[in-house]
PDB file of N, CA and C in Angstrom:
ATOM      1  N   MET A   1     -77.247  44.277 -55.944  1.00  0.00           N
ATOM      2  CA  MET A   1     -75.783  44.570 -54.981  1.00  0.00           C
ATOM      3  C   MET A   1     -75.395  45.978 -56.248  1.00  0.00           C
ATOM      4  N   GLU A   2     -75.519  46.975 -55.506  1.00  0.00           N
ATOM      5  CA  GLU A   2     -75.365  48.116 -56.244  1.00  0.00           C
ATOM      6  C   GLU A   2     -73.924  48.803 -55.607  1.00  0.00           C
ATOM      7  N   ILE A   3     -72.362  48.367 -56.041  1.00  0.00           N
ATOM      8  CA  ILE A   3     -71.544  49.106 -55.795  1.00  0.00           C
ATOM      9  C   ILE A   3     -72.001  51.178 -55.808  1.00  0.00           C
ATOM     10  N   THR A   4     -71.591  51.376 -54.777  1.00  0.00           N
ATOM     11  CA  THR A   4     -71.687  52.948 -54.250  1.00  0.00           C
ATOM     12  C   THR A   4     -70.453  54.164 -54.802  1.00  0.00           C
ATOM     13  N   SER A   5     -69.219  52.674 -54.294  1.00  0.00           N
ATOM     14  CA  SER A   5     -67.714  54.147 -54.266  1.00  0.00           C
ATOM     15  C   SER A   5     -66.822  52.819 -54.198  1.00  0.00           C
ATOM     16  N   SER A   6     -65.713  53.067 -55.326  1.00  0.00           N
ATOM     17  CA  SER A   6     -64.376  52.559 -55.119  1.00  0.00           C
ATOM     18  C   SER A   6     -63.658  53.284 -55.123  1.00  0.00           C
ATOM     19  N   ALA A   7     -62.880  52.466 -54.367  1.00  0.00           N
ATOM     20  CA  ALA A   7     -61.242  53.722 -53.741  1.00  0.00           C
ATOM     21  C   ALA A   7     -59.874  53.108 -53.562  1.00  0.00           C
ATOM     22  N   MET A   8     -58.742  53.046 -53.698  1.00  0.00           N
ATOM     23  CA  MET A   8     -57.384  52.145 -53.011  1.00  0.00           C
ATOM     24  C   MET A   8     -57.562  52.943 -51.869  1.00  0.00           C
ATOM     25  N   LEU A   9     -57.174  52.367 -51.656  1.00  0.00           N
ATOM     26  CA  LEU A   9     -56.795  52.755 -49.481  1.00  0.00           C
ATOM     27  C   LEU A   9     -55.149  52.850 -49.612  1.00  0.00           C
ATOM     28  N   LYS A  10     -55.345  54.220 -49.347  1.00  0.00           N
ATOM     29  CA  LYS A  10     -53.298  54.137 -48.775  1.00  0.00           C
ATOM     30  C   LYS A  10     -52.672  54.047 -47.176  1.00  0.00           C
ATOM     31  N   PRO A  11     -52.009  53.388 -46.487  1.00  0.00           N
ATOM     32  CA  PRO A  11     -51.700  53.630 -45.281  1.00  0.00           C
ATOM     33  C   PRO A  11     -51.288  54.488 -44.316  1.00  0.00           C
ATOM     34  N   ALA A  12     -51.789  54.609 -43.633  1.00  0.00           N
ATOM     35  CA  ALA A  12     -52.254  56.258 -42.471  1.00  0.00           C
ATOM     36  C   ALA A  12     -51.002  55.647 -41.701  1.00  0.00           C
ATOM     37  N   THR A  13     -49.234  56.472 -42.279  1.00  0.00           N
ATOM     38  CA  THR A  13     -47.954  56.180 -41.747  1.00  0.00           C
ATOM     39  C   THR A  13     -47.699  57.669 -41.603  1.00  0.00           C
ATOM     40  N   THR A  14     -46.789  58.116 -40.882  1.00  0.00           N
ATOM     41  CA  THR A  14     -46.245  59.201 -40.854  1.00  0.00           C
ATOM     42  C   THR A  14     -45.319  58.940 -39.785  1.00  0.00           C
ATOM     43  N   PRO A  15     -44.419  59.293 -39.924  1.00  0.00           N
ATOM     44  CA  PRO A  15     -43.183  58.900 -41.677  1.00  0.00           C
ATOM     45  C   PRO A  15     -43.640  57.674 -41.861  1.00  0.00           C
ATOM     46  N   PRO A  16     -43.091  57.442 -43.046  1.00  0.00           N
ATOM     47  CA  PRO A  16     -43.423  56.071 -43.779  1.00  0.00           C
ATOM     48  C   PRO A  16     -42.488  54.673 -43.103  1.00  0.00           C
ATOM     49  N   HIS A  17     -43.466  53.351 -43.308  1.00  0.00           N
ATOM     50  CA  HIS A  17     -43.090  52.080 -42.559  1.00  0.00           C
ATOM     51  C   HIS A  17     -41.382  52.102 -42.973  1.00  0.00           C
ATOM     52  N   PRO A  18     -40.803  51.515 -42.166  1.00  0.00           N
ATOM     53  CA  PRO A  18     -39.562  51.112 -42.068  1.00  0.00           C
ATOM     54  C   PRO A  18     -38.824  50.396 -44.117  1.00  0.00           C
ATOM     55  N   LEU A  19     -40.221  49.107 -43.739  1.00  0.00           N
ATOM     56  CA  LEU A  19     -39.880  48.209 -45.043  1.00  0.00           C
ATOM     57  C   LEU A  19     -40.675  49.120 -46.349  1.00  0.00           C
ATOM     58  N   ALA A  20     -41.104  50.063 -46.026  1.00  0.00           N
ATOM     59  CA  ALA A  20     -41.317  50.866 -47.513  1.00  0.00           C
ATOM     60  C   ALA A  20     -40.082  51.191 -48.889  1.00  0.00           C
ATOM     61  N   GLY A  21     -40.666  50.711 -50.267  1.00  0.00           N
ATOM     62  CA  GLY A  21     -40.188  50.303 -50.881  1.00  0.00           C
ATOM     63  C   GLY A  21     -39.356  49.442 -51.334  1.00  0.00           C
ATOM     64  N   GLU A  22     -39.060  48.421 -50.003  1.00  0.00           N
ATOM     65  CA  GLU A  22     -38.668  47.595 -49.711  1.00  0.00           C
ATOM     66  C   GLU A  22     -39.231  46.327 -51.171  1.00  0.00           C
ATOM     67  N   LYS A  23     -37.825  45.364 -51.184  1.00  0.00           N
ATOM     68  CA  LYS A  23     -38.789  43.502 -51.902  1.00  0.00           C
ATOM     69  C   LYS A  23     -38.306  42.875 -51.006  1.00  0.00           C
ATOM     70  N   VAL A  24     -39.766  42.165 -50.303  1.00  0.00           N
ATOM     71  CA  VAL A  24     -39.121  41.402 -49.576  1.00  0.00           C
ATOM     72  C   VAL A  24     -39.666  39.817 -50.176  1.00  0.00           C
ATOM     73  N   PRO A  25     -38.627  38.842 -50.120  1.00  0.00           N
ATOM     74  CA  PRO A  25     -38.698  37.275 -51.143  1.00  0.00           C
ATOM     75  C   PRO A  25     -39.367  36.830 -49.963  1.00  0.00           C
ATOM     76  N   LEU A  26     -40.542  36.182 -51.144  1.00  0.00           N
ATOM     77  CA  LEU A  26     -41.563  34.852 -50.666  1.00  0.00           C
ATOM     78  C   LEU A  26     -40.882  33.691 -49.828  1.00  0.00           C
ATOM     79  N   THR A  27     -41.383  33.193 -48.806  1.00  0.00           N
ATOM     80  CA  THR A  27     -40.653  31.924 -47.944  1.00  0.00           C
ATOM     81  C   THR A  27     -41.263  31.176 -48.980  1.00  0.00           C
ATOM     82  N   ALA A  28     -40.798  29.865 -48.083  1.00  0.00           N
ATOM     83  CA  ALA A  28     -41.168  28.941 -48.777  1.00  0.00           C
ATOM     84  C   ALA A  28     -42.662  28.033 -48.866  1.00  0.00           C
ATOM     85  N   PHE A  29     -43.377  28.988 -48.186  1.00  0.00           N
ATOM     86  CA  PHE A  29     -44.750  28.908 -47.645  1.00  0.00           C
ATOM     87  C   PHE A  29     -45.696  29.263 -48.620  1.00  0.00           C
ATOM     88  N   ASP A  30     -45.286  30.704 -48.872  1.00  0.00           N
ATOM     89  CA  ASP A  30     -46.033  31.585 -49.857  1.00  0.00           C
ATOM     90  C   ASP A  30     -45.879  31.239 -51.787  1.00  0.00           C
ATOM     91  N   ARG A  31     -44.614  30.448 -51.688  1.00  0.00           N
ATOM     92  CA  ARG A  31     -44.048  30.095 -53.601  1.00  0.00           C
ATOM     93  C   ARG A  31     -44.748  28.867 -53.948  1.00  0.00           C
ATOM     94  N   ALA A  32     -45.359  27.867 -52.483  1.00  0.00           N
ATOM     95  CA  ALA A  32     -45.810  26.620 -52.222  1.00  0.00           C
ATOM     96  C   ALA A  32     -46.897  27.019 -53.049  1.00  0.00           C
ATOM     97  N   ALA A  33     -48.018  28.225 -52.340  1.00  0.00           N
ATOM     98  CA  ALA A  33     -49.380  28.630 -52.507  1.00  0.00           C
ATOM     99  C   ALA A  33     -49.335  28.970 -54.149  1.00  0.00           C
ATOM    100  N   PHE A  34     -51.132  28.422 -54.142  1.00  0.00           N
ATOM    101  CA  PHE A  34     -51.922  29.447 -55.609  1.00  0.00           C
ATOM    102  C   PHE A  34     -51.349  30.843 -55.526  1.00  0.00           C
ATOM    103  N   ASP A  35     -51.490  32.033 -56.428  1.00  0.00           N
ATOM    104  CA  ASP A  35     -51.840  33.035 -56.788  1.00  0.00           C
ATOM    105  C   ASP A  35     -53.490  33.317 -56.851  1.00  0.00           C
ATOM    106  N   VAL A  36     -53.896  33.410 -56.085  1.00  0.00           N
ATOM    107  CA  VAL A  36     -55.144  33.704 -56.313  1.00  0.00           C
ATOM    108  C   VAL A  36     -55.748  35.162 -55.852  1.00  0.00           C
ATOM    109  N   PHE A  37     -56.658  35.773 -56.447  1.00  0.00           N
ATOM    110  CA  PHE A  37     -57.106  36.727 -55.787  1.00  0.00           C
ATOM    111  C   PHE A  37     -58.195  36.980 -54.508  1.00  0.00           C
ATOM    112  N   VAL A  38     -58.168  37.363 -53.391  1.00  0.00           N
ATOM    113  CA  VAL A  38     -59.188  36.303 -52.518  1.00  0.00           C
ATOM    114  C   VAL A  38     -60.402  37.767 -51.848  1.00  0.00           C
ATOM    115  N   PRO A  39     -60.999  38.341 -52.316  1.00  0.00           N
ATOM    116  CA  PRO A  39     -61.820  39.127 -51.916  1.00  0.00           C
ATOM    117  C   PRO A  39     -62.402  38.934 -50.860  1.00  0.00           C
ATOM    118  N   MET A  40     -63.009  39.426 -49.434  1.00  0.00           N
ATOM    119  CA  MET A  40     -63.486  40.191 -48.569  1.00  0.00           C
ATOM    120  C   MET A  40     -64.693  40.463 -48.826  1.00  0.00           C
ATOM    121  N   VAL A  41     -66.450  40.033 -48.257  1.00  0.00           N
ATOM    122  CA  VAL A  41     -67.486  40.919 -48.187  1.00  0.00           C
ATOM    123  C   VAL A  41     -67.446  41.328 -46.380  1.00  0.00           C
ATOM    124  N   PHE A  42     -67.740  42.232 -46.158  1.00  0.00           N
ATOM    125  CA  PHE A  42     -68.257  42.653 -44.514  1.00  0.00           C
ATOM    126  C   PHE A  42     -69.645  42.744 -44.391  1.00  0.00           C
ATOM    127  N   ALA A  43     -70.140  41.959 -43.631  1.00  0.00           N
ATOM    128  CA  ALA A  43     -71.529  43.290 -43.785  1.00  0.00           C
ATOM    129  C   ALA A  43     -71.597  43.322 -42.040  1.00  0.00           C
ATOM    130  N   TYR A  44     -72.085  44.357 -41.791  1.00  0.00           N
ATOM    131  CA  TYR A  44     -72.764  45.009 -40.583  1.00  0.00           C
ATOM    132  C   TYR A  44     -74.210  45.258 -40.471  1.00  0.00           C
ATOM    133  N   ARG A  45     -74.514  44.448 -39.201  1.00  0.00           N
ATOM    134  CA  ARG A  45     -75.464  44.748 -38.505  1.00  0.00           C
ATOM    135  C   ARG A  45     -76.621  46.512 -38.021  1.00  0.00           C
ATOM    136  N   ALA A  46     -77.255  46.648 -38.486  1.00  0.00           N
ATOM    137  CA  ALA A  46     -77.886  47.875 -38.147  1.00  0.00           C
ATOM    138  C   ALA A  46     -77.302  47.804 -36.219  1.00  0.00           C
ATOM    139  N   PRO A  47     -76.614  49.070 -35.108  1.00  0.00           N
ATOM    140  CA  PRO A  47     -76.298  50.314 -36.400  1.00  0.00           C
ATOM    141  C   PRO A  47     -75.015  49.816 -36.864  1.00  0.00           C
ATOM    142  N   ALA A  48     -74.921  50.056 -38.071  1.00  0.00           N
ATOM    143  CA  ALA A  48     -73.596  49.587 -38.940  1.00  0.00           C
ATOM    144  C   ALA A  48     -72.603  50.961 -38.768  1.00  0.00           C
ATOM    145  N   PRO A  49     -71.424  50.604 -38.895  1.00  0.00           N
ATOM    146  CA  PRO A  49     -70.171  51.753 -38.264  1.00  0.00           C
ATOM    147  C   PRO A  49     -70.518  52.584 -40.090  1.00  0.00           C
ATOM    148  N   SER A  50     -69.970  53.634 -40.189  1.00  0.00           N
ATOM    149  CA  SER A  50     -70.005  54.217 -40.878  1.00  0.00           C
ATOM    150  C   SER A  50     -69.321  53.996 -42.242  1.00  0.00           C
ATOM    151  N   SER A  51     -68.981  54.455 -43.581  1.00  0.00           N
ATOM    152  CA  SER A  51     -68.022  53.677 -44.639  1.00  0.00           C
ATOM    153  C   SER A  51     -66.828  54.303 -43.565  1.00  0.00           C
ATOM    154  N   GLU A  52     -66.906  55.613 -44.058  1.00  0.00           N
ATOM    155  CA  GLU A  52     -65.478  56.494 -43.501  1.00  0.00           C
ATOM    156  C   GLU A  52     -64.620  55.867 -41.923  1.00  0.00           C
ATOM    157  N   ALA A  53     -65.599  55.458 -40.961  1.00  0.00           N
ATOM    158  CA  ALA A  53     -65.291  54.373 -39.744  1.00  0.00           C
ATOM    159  C   ALA A  53     -64.145  53.534 -40.388  1.00  0.00           C
ATOM    160  N   VAL A  54     -64.949  52.393 -41.524  1.00  0.00           N
ATOM    161  CA  VAL A  54     -64.318  51.462 -41.322  1.00  0.00           C
ATOM    162  C   VAL A  54     -62.694  51.737 -42.121  1.00  0.00           C
ATOM    163  N   LYS A  55     -62.832  52.336 -43.457  1.00  0.00           N
ATOM    164  CA  LYS A  55     -61.813  52.697 -44.348  1.00  0.00           C
ATOM    165  C   LYS A  55     -60.649  52.799 -43.744  1.00  0.00           C
ATOM    166  N   GLU A  56     -60.977  54.486 -42.034  1.00  0.00           N
ATOM    167  CA  GLU A  56     -60.299  54.567 -41.400  1.00  0.00           C
ATOM    168  C   GLU A  56     -59.369  53.532 -40.604  1.00  0.00           C
ATOM    169  N   GLY A  57     -60.415  52.643 -40.230  1.00  0.00           N
ATOM    170  CA  GLY A  57     -59.990  50.921 -39.634  1.00  0.00           C
ATOM    171  C   GLY A  57     -58.627  50.168 -40.106  1.00  0.00           C
ATOM    172  N   LEU A  58     -59.319  50.281 -41.539  1.00  0.00           N
ATOM    173  CA  LEU A  58     -58.528  49.471 -42.261  1.00  0.00           C
ATOM    174  C   LEU A  58     -57.019  50.002 -42.994  1.00  0.00           C
ATOM    175  N   ARG A  59     -57.241  51.162 -43.761  1.00  0.00           N
ATOM    176  CA  ARG A  59     -56.402  52.249 -43.166  1.00  0.00           C
ATOM    177  C   ARG A  59     -54.836  52.330 -42.165  1.00  0.00           C
ATOM    178  N   MET A  60     -55.413  52.162 -40.338  1.00  0.00           N
ATOM    179  CA  MET A  60     -54.496  51.899 -39.268  1.00  0.00           C
ATOM    180  C   MET A  60     -53.849  50.378 -39.756  1.00  0.00           C
ATOM    181  N   ALA A  61     -54.940  49.704 -40.546  1.00  0.00           N
ATOM    182  CA  ALA A  61     -54.727  47.979 -40.305  1.00  0.00           C
ATOM    183  C   ALA A  61     -53.528  47.980 -41.151  1.00  0.00           C
ATOM    184  N   VAL A  62     -53.858  48.667 -42.060  1.00  0.00           N
ATOM    185  CA  VAL A  62     -52.465  48.278 -43.185  1.00  0.00           C
ATOM    186  C   VAL A  62     -51.716  49.397 -43.186  1.00  0.00           C
ATOM    187  N   ALA A  63     -51.209  49.901 -42.228  1.00  0.00           N
ATOM    188  CA  ALA A  63     -49.914  51.092 -41.530  1.00  0.00           C
ATOM    189  C   ALA A  63     -49.412  49.828 -40.660  1.00  0.00           C
ATOM    190  N   ALA A  64     -49.994  48.863 -39.819  1.00  0.00           N
ATOM    191  CA  ALA A  64     -49.645  47.815 -39.290  1.00  0.00           C
ATOM    192  C   ALA A  64     -48.965  46.903 -39.768  1.00  0.00           C
ATOM    193  N   TYR A  65     -49.491  46.691 -41.495  1.00  0.00           N
ATOM    194  CA  TYR A  65     -48.958  45.166 -41.691  1.00  0.00           C
ATOM    195  C   TYR A  65     -49.131  46.174 -42.923  1.00  0.00           C
ATOM    196  N   PRO A  66     -47.655  46.855 -43.585  1.00  0.00           N
ATOM    197  CA  PRO A  66     -47.239  46.935 -44.962  1.00  0.00           C
ATOM    198  C   PRO A  66     -47.058  46.238 -46.146  1.00  0.00           C
ATOM    199  N   LEU A  67     -47.147  44.995 -45.495  1.00  0.00           N
ATOM    200  CA  LEU A  67     -47.199  44.446 -46.511  1.00  0.00           C
ATOM    201  C   LEU A  67     -48.223  44.052 -47.285  1.00  0.00           C
ATOM    202  N   ALA A  68     -49.745  44.243 -46.757  1.00  0.00           N
ATOM    203  CA  ALA A  68     -50.604  43.955 -47.008  1.00  0.00           C
ATOM    204  C   ALA A  68     -51.360  45.025 -47.751  1.00  0.00           C
ATOM    205  N   ALA A  69     -50.182  45.970 -47.607  1.00  0.00           N
ATOM    206  CA  ALA A  69     -50.229  47.416 -49.318  1.00  0.00           C
ATOM    207  C   ALA A  69     -50.094  47.242 -50.369  1.00  0.00           C
ATOM    208  N   GLY A  70     -48.601  46.045 -50.473  1.00  0.00           N
ATOM    209  CA  GLY A  70     -48.095  46.109 -51.630  1.00  0.00           C
ATOM    210  C   GLY A  70     -48.556  45.131 -52.594  1.00  0.00           C
ATOM    211  N   ARG A  71     -47.376  44.736 -53.412  1.00  0.00           N
ATOM    212  CA  ARG A  71     -48.076  44.019 -54.935  1.00  0.00           C
ATOM    213  C   ARG A  71     -47.066  42.841 -55.023  1.00  0.00           C
ATOM    214  N   LEU A  72     -47.447  42.058 -55.310  1.00  0.00           N
ATOM    215  CA  LEU A  72     -46.807  41.164 -55.833  1.00  0.00           C
ATOM    216  C   LEU A  72     -45.800  41.193 -57.154  1.00  0.00           C
ATOM    217  N   ALA A  73     -44.124  40.825 -57.000  1.00  0.00           N
ATOM    218  CA  ALA A  73     -43.988  41.689 -58.889  1.00  0.00           C
ATOM    219  C   ALA A  73     -42.846  40.147 -58.447  1.00  0.00           C
ATOM    220  N   VAL A  74     -41.929  40.484 -59.606  1.00  0.00           N
ATOM    221  CA  VAL A  74     -40.717  39.572 -60.071  1.00  0.00           C
ATOM    222  C   VAL A  74     -39.622  40.815 -59.359  1.00  0.00           C
ATOM    223  N   ASP A  75     -38.751  40.271 -59.479  1.00  0.00           N
ATOM    224  CA  ASP A  75     -37.313  40.693 -59.292  1.00  0.00           C
ATOM    225  C   ASP A  75     -36.280  39.998 -59.507  1.00  0.00           C
ATOM    226  N   VAL A  76     -35.092  40.994 -60.428  1.00  0.00           N
ATOM    227  CA  VAL A  76     -34.257  40.318 -60.830  1.00  0.00           C
ATOM    228  C   VAL A  76     -32.907  40.310 -59.963  1.00  0.00           C
ATOM    229  N   ALA A  77     -32.223  39.096 -59.127  1.00  0.00           N
ATOM    230  CA  ALA A  77     -30.713  39.241 -58.429  1.00  0.00           C
ATOM    231  C   ALA A  77     -29.584  38.415 -58.949  1.00  0.00           C
ATOM    232  N   VAL A  78     -28.386  38.300 -58.470  1.00  0.00           N
ATOM    233  CA  VAL A  78     -27.242  38.215 -59.337  1.00  0.00           C
ATOM    234  C   VAL A  78     -27.197  36.929 -57.977  1.00  0.00           C
ATOM    235  N   ASP A  79     -27.050  35.487 -58.395  1.00  0.00           N
ATOM    236  CA  ASP A  79     -26.615  34.919 -57.197  1.00  0.00           C
ATOM    237  C   ASP A  79     -24.893  35.127 -56.999  1.00  0.00           C
ATOM    238  N   GLY A  80     -24.352  34.291 -56.282  1.00  0.00           N
ATOM    239  CA  GLY A  80     -22.872  33.563 -56.320  1.00  0.00           C
ATOM    240  C   GLY A  80     -21.852  34.076 -57.510  1.00  0.00           C
ATOM    241  N   GLN A  81     -22.671  33.108 -58.394  1.00  0.00           N
ATOM    242  CA  GLN A  81     -22.042  32.685 -59.804  1.00  0.00           C
ATOM    243  C   GLN A  81     -21.882  33.753 -60.352  1.00  0.00           C
ATOM    244  N   GLY A  82     -23.002  34.994 -60.314  1.00  0.00           N
ATOM    245  CA  GLY A  82     -23.544  35.691 -61.225  1.00  0.00           C
ATOM    246  C   GLY A  82     -24.168  35.770 -62.365  1.00  0.00           C
ATOM    247  N   ARG A  83     -25.458  34.576 -62.439  1.00  0.00           N
ATOM    248  CA  ARG A  83     -25.875  34.649 -62.677  1.00  0.00           C
ATOM    249  C   ARG A  83     -27.287  35.493 -61.775  1.00  0.00           C
ATOM    250  N   ARG A  84     -28.046  35.743 -63.159  1.00  0.00           N
ATOM    251  CA  ARG A  84     -29.157  36.345 -62.924  1.00  0.00           C
ATOM    252  C   ARG A  84     -30.744  36.023 -62.419  1.00  0.00           C
ATOM    253  N   ARG A  85     -31.080  35.413 -61.481  1.00  0.00           N
ATOM    254  CA  ARG A  85     -32.128  34.733 -61.109  1.00  0.00           C
ATOM    255  C   ARG A  85     -33.563  35.496 -61.091  1.00  0.00           C
ATOM    256  N   ARG A  86     -34.612  35.023 -61.618  1.00  0.00           N
ATOM    257  CA  ARG A  86     -36.236  35.742 -61.332  1.00  0.00           C
ATOM    258  C   ARG A  86     -36.231  35.259 -59.451  1.00  0.00           C
ATOM    259  N   ARG A  87     -37.354  35.706 -59.343  1.00  0.00           N
ATOM    260  CA  ARG A  87     -37.521  35.862 -57.988  1.00  0.00           C
ATOM    261  C   ARG A  87     -39.307  36.479 -57.848  1.00  0.00           C
ATOM    262  N   ARG A  88     -40.183  35.701 -56.834  1.00  0.00           N
ATOM    263  CA  ARG A  88     -40.972  36.545 -57.004  1.00  0.00           C
ATOM    264  C   ARG A  88     -40.859  37.144 -55.484  1.00  0.00           C
ATOM    265  N   VAL A  89     -41.091  38.505 -55.273  1.00  0.00           N
ATOM    266  CA  VAL A  89     -41.129  38.987 -54.139  1.00  0.00           C
ATOM    267  C   VAL A  89     -42.281  39.568 -53.425  1.00  0.00           C
ATOM    268  N   LEU A  90     -42.665  40.577 -52.808  1.00  0.00           N
ATOM    269  CA  LEU A  90     -43.763  41.630 -52.435  1.00  0.00           C
ATOM    270  C   LEU A  90     -42.760  42.655 -52.593  1.00  0.00           C
ATOM    271  N   HIS A  91     -43.575  43.331 -53.336  1.00  0.00           N
ATOM    272  CA  HIS A  91     -43.248  45.136 -53.322  1.00  0.00           C
ATOM    273  C   HIS A  91     -43.832  45.853 -52.182  1.00  0.00           C
ATOM    274  N   VAL A  92     -43.594  46.308 -51.586  1.00  0.00           N
ATOM    275  CA  VAL A  92     -43.842  47.049 -50.305  1.00  0.00           C
ATOM    276  C   VAL A  92     -43.821  48.370 -50.305  1.00  0.00           C
ATOM    277  N   ASN A  93     -44.993  48.909 -51.379  1.00  0.00           N
ATOM    278  CA  ASN A  93     -44.656  50.138 -52.121  1.00  0.00           C
ATOM    279  C   ASN A  93     -45.854  50.765 -51.627  1.00  0.00           C
ATOM    280  N   ASP A  94     -46.497  50.977 -51.210  1.00  0.00           N
ATOM    281  CA  ASP A  94     -48.380  51.214 -50.626  1.00  0.00           C
ATOM    282  C   ASP A  94     -49.256  51.867 -51.534  1.00  0.00           C
ATOM    283  N   GLU A  95     -48.825  50.403 -52.473  1.00  0.00           N
ATOM    284  CA  GLU A  95     -50.064  51.578 -52.976  1.00  0.00           C
ATOM    285  C   GLU A  95     -51.607  50.897 -52.725  1.00  0.00           C
ATOM    286  N   GLY A  96     -51.770  50.392 -51.554  1.00  0.00           N
ATOM    287  CA  GLY A  96     -53.027  50.507 -50.629  1.00  0.00           C
ATOM    288  C   GLY A  96     -53.838  48.879 -51.438  1.00  0.00           C
ATOM    289  N   ALA A  97     -54.742  49.176 -50.659  1.00  0.00           N
ATOM    290  CA  ALA A  97     -55.863  48.271 -50.724  1.00  0.00           C
ATOM    291  C   ALA A  97     -57.407  48.476 -51.217  1.00  0.00           C
ATOM    292  N   LEU A  98     -57.718  47.450 -52.897  1.00  0.00           N
ATOM    293  CA  LEU A  98     -58.831  48.428 -53.078  1.00  0.00           C
ATOM    294  C   LEU A  98     -60.156  48.038 -52.258  1.00  0.00           C
ATOM    295  N   VAL A  99     -61.142  48.817 -51.710  1.00  0.00           N
ATOM    296  CA  VAL A  99     -62.427  48.767 -51.413  1.00  0.00           C
ATOM    297  C   VAL A  99     -63.322  49.620 -51.892  1.00  0.00           C
ATOM    298  N   ARG A 100     -64.560  48.787 -51.841  1.00  0.00           N
ATOM    299  CA  ARG A 100     -65.653  48.976 -52.589  1.00  0.00           C
ATOM    300  C   ARG A 100     -67.068  49.325 -51.478  1.00  0.00           C
ATOM    301  N   ASP A 101     -67.811  50.165 -51.738  1.00  0.00           N
ATOM    302  CA  ASP A 101     -68.910  50.266 -50.811  1.00  0.00           C
ATOM    303  C   ASP A 101     -69.728  50.089 -51.629  1.00  0.00           C
ATOM    304  N   ALA A 102     -70.821  48.958 -50.518  1.00  0.00           N
ATOM    305  CA  ALA A 102     -72.153  48.708 -52.118  1.00  0.00           C
ATOM    306  C   ALA A 102     -73.230  48.733 -50.802  1.00  0.00           C
ATOM    307  N   THR A 103     -74.500  48.550 -51.537  1.00  0.00           N
ATOM    308  CA  THR A 103     -75.617  48.654 -51.029  1.00  0.00           C
ATOM    309  C   THR A 103     -76.582  47.625 -51.463  1.00  0.00           C
ATOM    310  N   VAL A 104     -76.928  46.554 -51.370  1.00  0.00           N
ATOM    311  CA  VAL A 104     -78.002  45.476 -51.570  1.00  0.00           C
ATOM    312  C   VAL A 104     -79.374  45.764 -51.011  1.00  0.00           C
ATOM    313  N   GLU A 105     -80.099  45.633 -51.724  1.00  0.00           N
ATOM    314  CA  GLU A 105     -81.491  45.543 -51.467  1.00  0.00           C
ATOM    315  C   GLU A 105     -82.222  44.616 -50.925  1.00  0.00           C
ATOM    316  N   ALA A 106     -82.126  43.496 -49.920  1.00  0.00           N
ATOM    317  CA  ALA A 106     -82.658  42.281 -49.234  1.00  0.00           C
ATOM    318  C   ALA A 106     -82.070  42.654 -47.813  1.00  0.00           C
ATOM    319  N   ASP A 107     -82.463  41.178 -46.622  1.00  0.00           N
ATOM    320  CA  ASP A 107     -82.563  41.384 -45.209  1.00  0.00           C
ATOM    321  C   ASP A 107     -81.429  40.614 -45.163  1.00  0.00           C
ATOM    322  N   LEU A 108     -80.633  40.194 -45.177  1.00  0.00           N
ATOM    323  CA  LEU A 108     -79.026  39.973 -44.590  1.00  0.00           C
ATOM    324  C   LEU A 108     -79.066  38.883 -43.312  1.00  0.00           C
ATOM    325  N   ASP A 109     -80.640  38.866 -42.457  1.00  0.00           N
ATOM    326  CA  ASP A 109     -80.938  38.389 -41.602  1.00  0.00           C
ATOM    327  C   ASP A 109     -81.408  37.503 -42.006  1.00  0.00           C
ATOM    328  N   ALA A 110     -82.704  37.811 -43.558  1.00  0.00           N
ATOM    329  CA  ALA A 110     -83.164  36.326 -43.590  1.00  0.00           C
ATOM    330  C   ALA A 110     -82.085  35.063 -43.687  1.00  0.00           C
ATOM    331  N   LYS A 111     -83.113  34.059 -43.541  1.00  0.00           N
ATOM    332  CA  LYS A 111     -82.342  31.947 -44.097  1.00  0.00           C
ATOM    333  C   LYS A 111     -83.404  31.586 -44.714  1.00  0.00           C
TER     334      LYS A 111
END
């Protein structure tokens, strides 16, 4: 496999999403999950869509779901008794999603 390009795709939104810049607390389910990076590989049968068409679709999807373009972070909050508490949050900073184009010299239909 050969990686032919790598880019961070920003959301395709104008104006910015209302959550832009916010730090969204994680839910109980999010906090119970493991912190893992989950890469995804998409392969298309011929005729495959162009890389630009796939990237534009991803930009539109990330615009509709801005949390997908954010980053996990730690925020310091002050509770009711004045104590500082660290909490895991999703920083909706529109940094984007990492996309890599790659080619492979193989028949993906072969079993």
